[in-house]
Amino acid sequence: MMLDVCDLRCGYGKTEVIHGASLTVERGEFVCVIGANGCGKTTLLKALLGVLKPTGGSITIDGKDVTTMHEKEVARHLAYIPQAHIPPFPFTVADMVLLGRTPYINRLSVVSDRDRMVAYRALRLLSIEHLGSRIYTQLSGGQEQLVLIARALAQEPDILIMDEPTASLDFGNQQMVLSRMSALAAMGMSLLMVTHSPDHALLCADRVLVMDEGEIVGDGPPEEVITSESLCRIYKSNARVLDVEVAPGQRASVCVPLI
């Protein structure tokens, strides 16, 4: 087992937001978390990343308590991919990805040949090595997101944690980013992704966690967990999950809102 969260409780001040959440992420597993705004998804991620200290329960990676780890050690196991990022300086793509090597470099060290090799390998893995000399802020939204994924891969983590990585992207770029992440999972990378799109979870996930009011109320294969009834419960809206033929002999589940 890679990541194990047991009876997690956490929040802000005296307000508890996560109420006894338990989950696992196995090696090579793509897990999606869905739920309405304010249900605790981002708070859960903050606790997993060590940004927010739990008030109860445990978070372990291969049996080691995350709360006892130094932040650099956490960063060697867990890499975070935000929705978007605007750097304070006009970094090149290569330099942006090299920032992922920070957990391995102390303040007096210089970037090594191995650091550059790992960064280039991350770019090549996502087929964006040709962007290395480009200025990050001059890229398209989809390209920027792939660079953030490459930066996370340069950390050589066990698990990629993503908070709405496709939220600001158009339809085509969403599909491009999701396809790259699915390929990473197929290669053995573990992924935990928060998404507001049940369709993305149906498309990519091996397993789906459903959150509602700080609790995990569903956990299982996407086709079993994402149903018309569960969508109505968590989003308070009418929708239908339909099985459709997307190509001869190929079927998929899709969410259709009812207006």
Protein backbone atom coordinates (compact mmCIF):
# COMPACT_ATOMS: atom_id res chain seq x y z
CA MET A 1 0.00 0.00 0.00
CA MET A 2 1.29 3.45 -0.89
CA LEU A 3 -0.90 6.09 0.81
CA ASP A 4 -3.17 5.22 3.73
CA VAL A 5 -5.49 7.73 5.42
CA CYS A 6 -7.39 6.46 8.44
CA ASP A 7 -10.16 8.32 10.30
CA LEU A 8 -8.70 11.70 9.37
CA ARG A 9 -10.05 14.77 11.14
CA CYS A 10 -8.88 18.31 10.45
CA GLY A 11 -10.09 21.86 9.90
CA TYR A 12 -9.41 25.49 10.70
CA GLY A 13 -9.31 26.75 14.27
CA LYS A 14 -12.18 25.18 16.16
CA THR A 15 -14.10 24.35 12.97
CA GLU A 16 -13.70 20.73 11.89
CA VAL A 17 -14.03 20.33 8.12
CA ILE A 18 -13.00 16.70 7.57
CA HIS A 19 -14.88 14.25 9.75
CA GLY A 20 -13.22 10.85 9.97
CA ALA A 21 -12.16 10.36 6.33
CA SER A 22 -10.43 7.13 5.34
CA LEU A 23 -8.92 6.29 1.96
CA THR A 24 -6.08 4.49 0.24
CA VAL A 25 -4.14 5.03 -2.97
CA GLU A 26 -2.27 2.01 -4.26
CA ARG A 27 0.80 2.05 -6.49
CA GLY A 28 -0.19 2.78 -10.10
CA GLU A 29 -3.77 3.66 -9.17
CA PHE A 30 -5.64 6.69 -10.56
CA VAL A 31 -8.08 7.91 -7.91
CA CYS A 32 -10.48 10.82 -8.44
CA VAL A 33 -12.24 12.79 -5.70
CA ILE A 34 -15.56 14.43 -6.55
CA GLY A 35 -17.93 16.55 -4.51
CA ALA A 36 -19.65 19.92 -4.38
CA ASN A 37 -17.89 23.19 -3.56
CA GLY A 38 -17.17 23.47 0.16
CA CYS A 39 -17.38 19.73 0.88
CA GLY A 40 -13.74 19.57 2.03
CA LYS A 41 -11.82 18.35 -1.02
CA THR A 42 -9.09 21.01 -0.91
CA THR A 43 -8.85 20.75 2.88
CA LEU A 44 -8.26 17.02 2.46
CA LEU A 45 -5.42 17.69 0.02
CA LYS A 46 -3.84 20.24 2.38
CA ALA A 47 -3.75 17.63 5.12
CA LEU A 48 -2.23 15.01 2.82
CA LEU A 49 0.49 17.45 1.76
CA GLY A 50 1.35 18.36 5.35
CA VAL A 51 0.12 21.95 4.99
CA LEU A 52 -2.70 21.39 7.49
CA LYS A 53 -2.08 19.44 10.69
CA PRO A 54 -4.68 16.74 11.45
CA THR A 55 -6.54 16.88 14.75
CA GLY A 56 -7.22 13.16 14.61
CA GLY A 57 -6.53 10.02 12.64
CA SER A 58 -3.42 9.23 10.61
CA ILE A 59 -1.80 9.74 7.21
CA THR A 60 0.95 7.30 6.28
CA ILE A 61 3.06 6.54 3.22
CA ASP A 62 4.28 2.96 3.24
CA GLY A 63 3.61 2.94 6.97
CA LYS A 64 5.46 6.17 7.81
CA ASP A 65 3.51 9.02 9.42
CA VAL A 66 3.49 12.06 7.14
CA THR A 67 3.21 14.44 10.12
CA THR A 68 6.64 13.33 11.37
CA MET A 69 8.35 14.00 8.04
CA HIS A 70 10.37 17.09 7.15
CA GLU A 71 8.75 19.09 4.34
CA LYS A 72 11.50 18.07 1.91
CA GLU A 73 10.90 14.42 2.72
CA VAL A 74 7.18 14.86 2.10
CA ALA A 75 8.00 16.51 -1.24
CA ARG A 76 10.01 13.44 -2.25
CA HIS A 77 6.90 11.29 -1.81
CA LEU A 78 4.06 13.64 -2.77
CA ALA A 79 4.08 16.17 -5.60
CA TYR A 80 1.34 18.77 -5.93
CA ILE A 81 -0.04 20.05 -9.24
CA PRO A 82 -2.22 23.19 -8.83
CA GLN A 83 -4.91 24.50 -11.17
CA ALA A 84 -2.50 27.13 -12.49
CA HIS A 85 0.66 28.94 -11.46
CA ILE A 86 2.11 32.33 -12.37
CA PRO A 87 5.81 32.49 -11.44
CA PRO A 88 7.27 35.79 -10.17
CA PHE A 89 9.97 35.74 -12.88
CA PRO A 90 9.88 34.90 -16.60
CA PHE A 91 11.35 31.42 -16.18
CA THR A 92 12.03 29.23 -19.16
CA VAL A 93 10.22 25.91 -19.26
CA ALA A 94 13.47 24.08 -18.46
CA ASP A 95 14.04 26.23 -15.37
CA MET A 96 10.43 25.77 -14.25
CA VAL A 97 10.84 22.01 -14.36
CA LEU A 98 14.20 22.20 -12.58
CA LEU A 99 12.36 23.79 -9.64
CA GLY A 100 10.97 20.32 -9.05
CA ARG A 101 14.44 19.26 -7.93
CA THR A 102 14.29 21.61 -4.90
CA PRO A 103 13.69 18.75 -2.39
CA TYR A 104 17.06 17.28 -3.38
CA ILE A 105 19.14 20.47 -3.36
CA ASN A 106 20.33 22.23 -0.22
CA ARG A 107 20.91 25.96 -0.04
CA LEU A 108 24.61 25.70 -0.83
CA SER A 109 24.28 23.25 -3.70
CA VAL A 110 24.18 23.92 -7.41
CA VAL A 111 22.04 22.11 -9.94
CA SER A 112 23.79 18.87 -10.87
CA ASP A 113 23.94 17.02 -14.16
CA ARG A 114 21.60 14.43 -12.67
CA ASP A 115 19.08 17.14 -11.75
CA ARG A 116 19.12 18.36 -15.35
CA MET A 117 18.79 14.81 -16.64
CA VAL A 118 15.76 14.12 -14.42
CA ALA A 119 14.13 17.40 -15.50
CA TYR A 120 14.70 16.65 -19.19
CA ARG A 121 13.37 13.13 -18.74
CA ALA A 122 10.17 14.57 -17.24
CA LEU A 123 9.76 16.90 -20.23
CA ARG A 124 10.38 14.04 -22.65
CA LEU A 125 7.93 11.77 -20.83
CA LEU A 126 5.18 14.31 -21.55
CA SER A 127 6.44 14.94 -25.10
CA ILE A 128 7.15 18.63 -24.44
CA GLU A 129 10.96 18.63 -24.49
CA HIS A 130 10.80 20.95 -27.52
CA LEU A 131 9.38 23.66 -25.23
CA GLY A 132 12.47 23.75 -22.98
CA SER A 133 13.75 27.14 -24.10
CA ARG A 134 10.33 28.79 -24.28
CA ILE A 135 9.16 31.30 -21.64
CA TYR A 136 6.63 29.55 -19.42
CA THR A 137 4.17 32.47 -19.26
CA GLN A 138 4.03 32.64 -23.06
CA LEU A 139 2.66 29.12 -23.44
CA SER A 140 -0.93 28.04 -23.97
CA GLY A 141 -2.95 26.96 -20.94
CA GLY A 142 -2.63 23.29 -21.83
CA GLN A 143 1.13 23.57 -22.33
CA GLU A 144 1.50 25.38 -18.99
CA GLN A 145 -0.36 22.59 -17.24
CA LEU A 146 1.87 19.96 -18.81
CA VAL A 147 4.91 21.91 -17.60
CA LEU A 148 3.51 21.88 -14.05
CA ILE A 149 3.06 18.13 -14.33
CA ALA A 150 6.66 17.82 -15.58
CA ARG A 151 7.86 19.92 -12.63
CA ALA A 152 6.03 17.54 -10.28
CA LEU A 153 7.53 14.51 -12.03
CA ALA A 154 11.00 16.02 -11.56
CA GLN A 155 10.46 15.60 -7.82
CA GLU A 156 10.49 11.84 -8.49
CA PRO A 157 7.47 11.40 -6.20
CA ASP A 158 5.49 8.30 -5.36
CA ILE A 159 2.15 10.08 -5.80
CA LEU A 160 0.93 13.03 -7.86
CA ILE A 161 -1.76 15.06 -6.10
CA MET A 162 -3.83 17.35 -8.32
CA ASP A 163 -6.44 19.96 -7.46
CA GLU A 164 -8.62 20.64 -10.50
CA PRO A 165 -5.73 20.53 -12.98
CA THR A 166 -8.04 21.04 -15.98
CA ALA A 167 -10.31 23.71 -14.48
CA SER A 168 -9.08 26.61 -16.63
CA LEU A 169 -8.50 24.66 -19.84
CA ASP A 170 -10.61 24.43 -22.98
CA PHE A 171 -12.07 21.12 -24.10
CA GLY A 172 -9.14 20.09 -26.28
CA ASN A 173 -6.51 20.91 -23.67
CA GLN A 174 -8.51 19.08 -21.01
CA GLN A 175 -8.40 15.92 -23.12
CA MET A 176 -4.67 16.37 -23.78
CA VAL A 177 -3.82 16.73 -20.08
CA LEU A 178 -6.09 13.87 -19.01
CA SER A 179 -4.58 11.56 -21.63
CA ARG A 180 -1.06 12.32 -20.38
CA MET A 181 -2.09 11.65 -16.76
CA SER A 182 -3.76 8.37 -17.73
CA ALA A 183 -0.55 7.35 -19.48
CA LEU A 184 1.44 8.10 -16.30
CA ALA A 185 -0.90 5.87 -14.29
CA ALA A 186 -0.46 3.11 -16.86
CA MET A 187 3.31 3.40 -16.31
CA GLY A 188 2.91 2.84 -12.55
CA MET A 189 2.58 6.38 -11.19
CA SER A 190 -0.05 6.86 -8.45
CA LEU A 191 -2.42 9.78 -8.95
CA LEU A 192 -5.00 11.45 -6.70
CA MET A 193 -7.05 14.08 -8.53
CA VAL A 194 -9.79 16.37 -7.27
CA THR A 195 -12.22 17.21 -10.05
CA HIS A 196 -15.56 18.94 -10.41
CA SER A 197 -16.27 16.93 -13.55
CA PRO A 198 -17.77 13.46 -12.98
CA ASP A 199 -17.18 12.83 -16.70
CA HIS A 200 -13.43 13.16 -16.15
CA ALA A 201 -13.60 10.64 -13.32
CA LEU A 202 -15.59 8.25 -15.51
CA LEU A 203 -13.01 8.67 -18.26
CA CYS A 204 -9.79 8.29 -16.25
CA ALA A 205 -10.23 6.89 -12.78
CA ASP A 206 -9.63 3.39 -11.53
CA ARG A 207 -11.50 4.37 -8.38
CA VAL A 208 -13.66 7.32 -7.29
CA LEU A 209 -14.11 8.86 -3.84
CA VAL A 210 -17.30 10.84 -3.29
CA MET A 211 -17.13 13.58 -0.63
CA ASP A 212 -20.11 15.22 1.01
CA GLU A 213 -19.94 17.63 3.98
CA GLY A 214 -16.47 16.55 5.03
CA GLU A 215 -17.08 12.83 4.79
CA ILE A 216 -16.25 10.22 2.17
CA VAL A 217 -19.65 8.75 1.34
CA GLY A 218 -18.66 6.66 -1.66
CA ASP A 219 -15.58 4.69 -2.65
CA GLY A 220 -15.36 2.30 -5.57
CA PRO A 221 -15.12 1.86 -9.34
CA PRO A 222 -16.43 4.92 -11.22
CA GLU A 223 -19.28 3.07 -12.91
CA GLU A 224 -20.54 1.89 -9.51
CA VAL A 225 -20.01 5.12 -7.55
CA ILE A 226 -21.04 7.77 -10.09
CA THR A 227 -24.77 7.26 -10.49
CA SER A 228 -27.75 9.51 -11.10
CA GLU A 229 -28.64 9.14 -7.42
CA SER A 230 -25.16 10.03 -6.11
CA LEU A 231 -24.92 13.08 -8.40
CA CYS A 232 -28.28 14.31 -7.17
CA ARG A 233 -27.17 13.87 -3.58
CA ILE A 234 -23.85 15.69 -3.74
CA TYR A 235 -24.61 18.37 -6.34
CA LYS A 236 -28.30 18.92 -5.53
CA SER A 237 -29.12 18.86 -9.24
CA ASN A 238 -30.81 16.53 -11.67
CA ALA A 239 -28.55 14.53 -13.93
CA ARG A 240 -28.51 11.15 -15.57
CA VAL A 241 -25.60 8.79 -16.05
CA LEU A 242 -26.07 7.10 -19.42
CA ASP A 243 -24.27 4.24 -21.13
CA VAL A 244 -23.57 5.24 -24.73
CA GLU A 245 -21.79 3.78 -27.73
CA VAL A 246 -18.89 6.11 -28.56
CA ALA A 247 -17.53 3.93 -31.37
CA PRO A 248 -18.44 0.57 -32.91
CA GLY A 249 -18.03 -1.94 -30.11
CA GLN A 250 -16.89 0.71 -27.61
CA ARG A 251 -19.17 2.00 -24.87
CA ALA A 252 -18.73 4.64 -22.16
CA SER A 253 -20.68 6.24 -19.33
CA VAL A 254 -21.47 9.97 -19.56
CA CYS A 255 -23.24 12.47 -17.31
CA VAL A 256 -26.12 14.38 -18.84
CA PRO A 257 -27.63 17.31 -16.88
CA LEU A 258 -31.39 17.73 -16.99
CA ILE A 259 -32.62 21.30 -17.34
